[in-house]
Amino acid sequence: MNILKQIEIFGDSILKGVIFDKIANKYLTPKETHADRVENFLPVTINDKSRFGCTIDKGNKMLDKTLNDGVDCDVILLEYGGNDCDFDWKEVSEHPEKEHQPKTPLNIFEKTLHSMINKVKEHGIKPLVMSLPPIDPHKYINWITKDGLSKEKILQWLGDVNMIYRFQELYSNTVVKIAYETKCLFVDVRSKFLDKHNFSSLLCDDGIHPNALGHKLIEEAFVVYGKEKLELNDKKINCA
């Protein structure tokens, strides 16, 4: 039996807590992160290695270095997919007649996440994954075309704007499938957004980053999971 006390996070800007600040007109990371706030409710220490714009390939390299250097933790949270499913929209805008691949093709994403989970297990650490917050395709296409890219040509390539949502959902669903296949710990963040009448109100103007309310929802999902599934409360509890 191990006492759950230390969590390492490998992810992208979602778990970094990044938001788009309209007044500053730039992306900002809050002084108090997800890790800081979750630590207020659960008896754990969280080390957040998330990086803005990180794909699963970069995350895999970071994980290898951390494991090779030696890490003293009980759980490693892996949060990827949001950047992996994104496209080079400039190329799409200029050549809508061509085929375009996402930053990380889905089959490579799936293979890499499987590999990362197995490596974590081999080091005697519990892997934890999460579903992705949904995106708003209408906000997002307005965001990526605000500086001159052709919305018409991007839509020509997409077929319809909701393809952006569906493609991102493929990556989230793949994470869910892998969690089931590998029997690893899993937090369903996505459903916490989708059961709201207007989940778009929980996203920034870019349509992909949760706003302050959205990030609070993510934190609540992890706190509830920790208390209900991992049996964490004010005391340190043995965790199988």
Protein backbone atom coordinates (compact mmCIF):
# COMPACT_ATOMS: atom_id res chain seq x y z
CA MET A 1 0.00 0.00 0.00
CA ASN A 2 1.28 3.46 -0.88
CA ILE A 3 0.32 6.76 0.66
CA LEU A 4 -0.63 9.21 -2.07
CA LYS A 5 1.37 12.35 -1.39
CA GLN A 6 3.06 13.61 -4.56
CA ILE A 7 1.62 14.22 -8.04
CA GLU A 8 3.57 15.26 -11.14
CA ILE A 9 1.69 16.90 -14.03
CA PHE A 10 2.80 16.68 -17.65
CA GLY A 11 0.52 18.64 -19.95
CA ASP A 12 -0.15 21.78 -21.94
CA SER A 13 -1.67 25.19 -21.26
CA ILE A 14 -4.98 23.74 -20.04
CA LEU A 15 -3.51 22.44 -16.79
CA LYS A 16 -1.17 25.41 -16.63
CA GLY A 17 -4.31 27.49 -16.13
CA VAL A 18 -3.61 29.78 -19.08
CA ILE A 19 -6.33 32.23 -20.07
CA PHE A 20 -6.58 34.94 -22.73
CA ASP A 21 -6.78 38.33 -21.07
CA LYS A 22 -8.79 40.69 -23.30
CA ILE A 23 -7.55 43.81 -21.53
CA ALA A 24 -3.87 42.84 -21.80
CA ASN A 25 -4.59 41.26 -25.21
CA LYS A 26 -2.37 38.29 -24.47
CA TYR A 27 -2.27 34.88 -22.83
CA LEU A 28 -1.54 34.93 -19.12
CA THR A 29 -0.75 32.30 -16.54
CA PRO A 30 -2.32 33.07 -13.15
CA LYS A 31 -0.07 33.48 -10.14
CA GLU A 32 -2.11 30.84 -8.33
CA THR A 33 -2.18 27.75 -10.55
CA HIS A 34 -4.46 24.72 -10.67
CA ALA A 35 -1.91 22.89 -8.57
CA ASP A 36 -1.92 25.58 -5.90
CA ARG A 37 -5.70 25.61 -5.61
CA VAL A 38 -6.16 21.84 -5.63
CA GLU A 39 -3.53 21.56 -2.88
CA ASN A 40 -5.83 23.72 -0.73
CA PHE A 41 -8.40 20.90 -0.74
CA LEU A 42 -6.40 17.68 -0.97
CA PRO A 43 -3.50 16.44 1.19
CA VAL A 44 -1.09 16.20 -1.73
CA THR A 45 1.85 18.09 -3.19
CA ILE A 46 1.60 18.82 -6.91
CA ASN A 47 4.49 19.63 -9.23
CA ASP A 48 3.16 21.06 -12.50
CA LYS A 49 5.46 20.56 -15.50
CA SER A 50 2.81 21.65 -18.04
CA ARG A 51 4.00 23.84 -20.90
CA PHE A 52 2.10 26.22 -23.16
CA GLY A 53 1.76 24.76 -26.67
CA CYS A 54 3.13 21.37 -25.65
CA THR A 55 2.34 18.36 -27.84
CA ILE A 56 2.52 14.75 -26.73
CA ASP A 57 5.87 14.27 -28.49
CA LYS A 58 7.46 17.04 -26.44
CA GLY A 59 5.72 15.75 -23.34
CA ASN A 60 7.04 12.25 -23.95
CA LYS A 61 10.60 13.57 -24.09
CA MET A 62 10.06 15.52 -20.87
CA LEU A 63 8.64 12.42 -19.21
CA ASP A 64 11.63 10.31 -20.30
CA LYS A 65 14.05 12.82 -18.82
CA THR A 66 12.14 13.01 -15.56
CA LEU A 67 11.92 9.24 -15.20
CA ASN A 68 15.57 8.74 -16.13
CA ASP A 69 16.68 11.41 -13.66
CA GLY A 70 14.59 9.78 -10.95
CA VAL A 71 11.31 11.10 -9.60
CA ASP A 72 9.74 10.54 -6.20
CA CYS A 73 6.00 10.66 -6.78
CA ASP A 74 2.92 8.46 -6.52
CA VAL A 75 0.90 9.67 -9.52
CA ILE A 76 1.79 11.20 -12.89
CA LEU A 77 -1.00 13.05 -14.66
CA LEU A 78 -0.74 13.11 -18.47
CA GLU A 79 -2.84 15.78 -20.24
CA TYR A 80 -2.37 16.05 -23.99
CA GLY A 81 -4.37 16.25 -27.20
CA GLY A 82 -5.42 19.88 -27.45
CA ASN A 83 -2.34 20.98 -29.37
CA ASP A 84 -1.86 17.62 -31.05
CA CYS A 85 -5.17 17.86 -32.90
CA ASP A 86 -4.48 21.37 -34.21
CA PHE A 87 -3.54 22.20 -37.81
CA ASP A 88 -1.30 24.66 -39.60
CA TRP A 89 -4.19 26.94 -40.44
CA LYS A 90 -2.06 29.21 -42.62
CA GLU A 91 -1.31 26.25 -44.86
CA VAL A 92 -4.94 25.22 -44.85
CA SER A 93 -6.01 28.76 -45.75
CA GLU A 94 -3.53 28.96 -48.62
CA HIS A 95 -4.11 25.42 -49.94
CA PRO A 96 -7.61 24.19 -49.08
CA GLU A 97 -7.48 21.72 -51.95
CA LYS A 98 -4.63 19.73 -50.36
CA GLU A 99 -4.58 17.15 -47.59
CA HIS A 100 -3.38 18.45 -44.23
CA GLN A 101 -2.23 16.58 -41.16
CA PRO A 102 -2.58 17.71 -37.54
CA LYS A 103 0.50 18.37 -35.45
CA THR A 104 0.26 14.81 -34.17
CA PRO A 105 -1.73 12.33 -36.30
CA LEU A 106 -4.25 10.42 -34.23
CA ASN A 107 -2.55 7.02 -34.60
CA ILE A 108 0.76 8.45 -33.39
CA PHE A 109 -0.99 10.23 -30.53
CA GLU A 110 -2.61 6.96 -29.44
CA LYS A 111 0.62 4.97 -29.69
CA THR A 112 2.59 7.60 -27.76
CA LEU A 113 0.07 7.91 -24.95
CA HIS A 114 0.02 4.12 -24.58
CA SER A 115 3.81 4.15 -24.36
CA MET A 116 3.87 6.95 -21.77
CA ILE A 117 1.35 5.16 -19.56
CA ASN A 118 3.35 1.93 -19.73
CA LYS A 119 6.59 3.73 -18.83
CA VAL A 120 4.95 5.36 -15.83
CA LYS A 121 3.67 1.98 -14.64
CA GLU A 122 7.09 0.37 -15.13
CA HIS A 123 8.50 2.89 -12.64
CA GLY A 124 5.93 1.89 -10.03
CA ILE A 125 3.93 5.11 -10.45
CA LYS A 126 0.18 5.37 -11.05
CA PRO A 127 -0.72 7.02 -14.39
CA LEU A 128 -3.68 9.41 -14.46
CA VAL A 129 -5.31 10.82 -17.62
CA MET A 130 -8.23 13.17 -18.27
CA SER A 131 -10.70 13.89 -21.04
CA LEU A 132 -10.27 17.24 -22.78
CA PRO A 133 -12.47 20.28 -22.21
CA PRO A 134 -14.61 20.85 -25.33
CA ILE A 135 -13.87 23.67 -27.75
CA ASP A 136 -16.19 26.17 -29.41
CA PRO A 137 -15.62 25.87 -33.19
CA HIS A 138 -17.32 29.18 -33.99
CA LYS A 139 -15.15 31.14 -31.58
CA TYR A 140 -12.07 29.27 -32.72
CA ILE A 141 -12.48 29.83 -36.45
CA ASN A 142 -13.07 33.53 -35.80
CA TRP A 143 -9.92 33.52 -33.69
CA ILE A 144 -7.62 31.88 -36.22
CA THR A 145 -8.89 34.08 -39.07
CA LYS A 146 -8.83 37.41 -37.21
CA ASP A 147 -5.44 38.37 -38.67
CA GLY A 148 -6.16 37.70 -42.32
CA LEU A 149 -6.48 33.97 -42.94
CA SER A 150 -9.39 33.07 -45.18
CA LYS A 151 -12.37 31.76 -43.23
CA GLU A 152 -14.04 30.81 -46.50
CA LYS A 153 -11.13 28.64 -47.62
CA ILE A 154 -10.67 27.04 -44.23
CA LEU A 155 -14.38 26.18 -44.20
CA GLN A 156 -13.99 24.81 -47.72
CA TRP A 157 -11.38 22.39 -46.42
CA LEU A 158 -13.27 21.55 -43.21
CA GLY A 159 -16.61 20.90 -44.87
CA ASP A 160 -18.40 22.53 -41.94
CA VAL A 161 -17.23 24.47 -38.90
CA ASN A 162 -18.27 21.75 -36.46
CA MET A 163 -15.56 19.50 -37.91
CA ILE A 164 -13.19 21.43 -35.62
CA TYR A 165 -15.16 20.26 -32.60
CA ARG A 166 -15.54 16.70 -33.82
CA PHE A 167 -11.85 16.30 -34.64
CA GLN A 168 -10.81 17.51 -31.19
CA GLU A 169 -13.37 15.14 -29.70
CA LEU A 170 -11.65 12.24 -31.48
CA TYR A 171 -8.53 12.93 -29.43
CA SER A 172 -10.47 13.21 -26.19
CA ASN A 173 -12.32 9.97 -26.94
CA THR A 174 -8.99 8.29 -27.66
CA VAL A 175 -7.78 9.26 -24.19
CA VAL A 176 -10.93 7.74 -22.69
CA LYS A 177 -10.43 4.55 -24.69
CA ILE A 178 -6.81 4.24 -23.61
CA ALA A 179 -7.74 4.83 -19.97
CA TYR A 180 -10.17 1.91 -20.25
CA GLU A 181 -7.67 -0.34 -22.06
CA THR A 182 -4.84 0.33 -19.63
CA LYS A 183 -7.03 0.48 -16.51
CA CYS A 184 -5.35 3.67 -15.39
CA LEU A 185 -6.81 6.46 -13.26
CA PHE A 186 -9.15 8.72 -15.24
CA VAL A 187 -10.86 12.06 -14.56
CA ASP A 188 -13.75 12.98 -16.85
CA VAL A 189 -13.33 16.73 -17.24
CA ARG A 190 -15.20 17.02 -20.54
CA SER A 191 -18.59 15.99 -19.20
CA LYS A 192 -18.37 18.70 -16.54
CA PHE A 193 -18.49 21.23 -19.38
CA LEU A 194 -20.94 19.45 -21.66
CA ASP A 195 -23.69 19.15 -19.06
CA LYS A 196 -23.85 22.94 -18.88
CA HIS A 197 -26.49 24.66 -21.03
CA ASN A 198 -23.87 26.94 -22.61
CA PHE A 199 -20.38 25.53 -22.17
CA SER A 200 -19.05 28.21 -24.52
CA SER A 201 -19.48 30.71 -21.69
CA LEU A 202 -16.74 28.76 -19.87
CA LEU A 203 -14.22 29.37 -22.67
CA CYS A 204 -12.05 32.34 -23.60
CA ASP A 205 -12.55 34.30 -26.83
CA ASP A 206 -10.19 31.91 -28.64
CA GLY A 207 -12.70 29.09 -28.12
CA ILE A 208 -10.11 26.63 -26.85
CA HIS A 209 -8.83 27.82 -23.47
CA PRO A 210 -11.14 27.68 -20.45
CA ASN A 211 -11.74 31.04 -18.83
CA ALA A 212 -11.59 31.57 -15.06
CA LEU A 213 -14.96 29.83 -14.54
CA GLY A 214 -13.91 26.98 -16.81
CA HIS A 215 -10.66 26.47 -14.93
CA LYS A 216 -12.57 26.45 -11.65
CA LEU A 217 -14.71 23.64 -13.06
CA ILE A 218 -11.58 21.63 -13.90
CA GLU A 219 -10.24 22.11 -10.38
CA GLU A 220 -13.55 21.01 -8.89
CA ALA A 221 -13.50 17.86 -11.04
CA PHE A 222 -10.08 16.90 -9.68
CA VAL A 223 -10.98 17.71 -6.08
CA VAL A 224 -14.16 15.62 -6.26
CA TYR A 225 -12.25 12.77 -7.93
CA GLY A 226 -9.55 12.90 -5.26
CA LYS A 227 -12.04 12.78 -2.42
CA GLU A 228 -14.47 10.24 -3.88
CA LYS A 229 -12.28 7.91 -5.96
CA LEU A 230 -8.92 8.17 -4.22
CA GLU A 231 -10.49 8.61 -0.78
CA LEU A 232 -8.40 11.66 -0.02
CA ASN A 233 -9.59 14.01 2.68
CA ASP A 234 -7.99 15.99 5.44
CA LYS A 235 -5.97 12.94 6.46
CA LYS A 236 -3.55 10.92 4.36
CA ILE A 237 -5.36 7.78 3.25
CA ASN A 238 -3.84 4.54 2.02
CA CYS A 239 -4.41 4.19 -1.71
CA ALA A 240 -4.13 0.87 -3.52
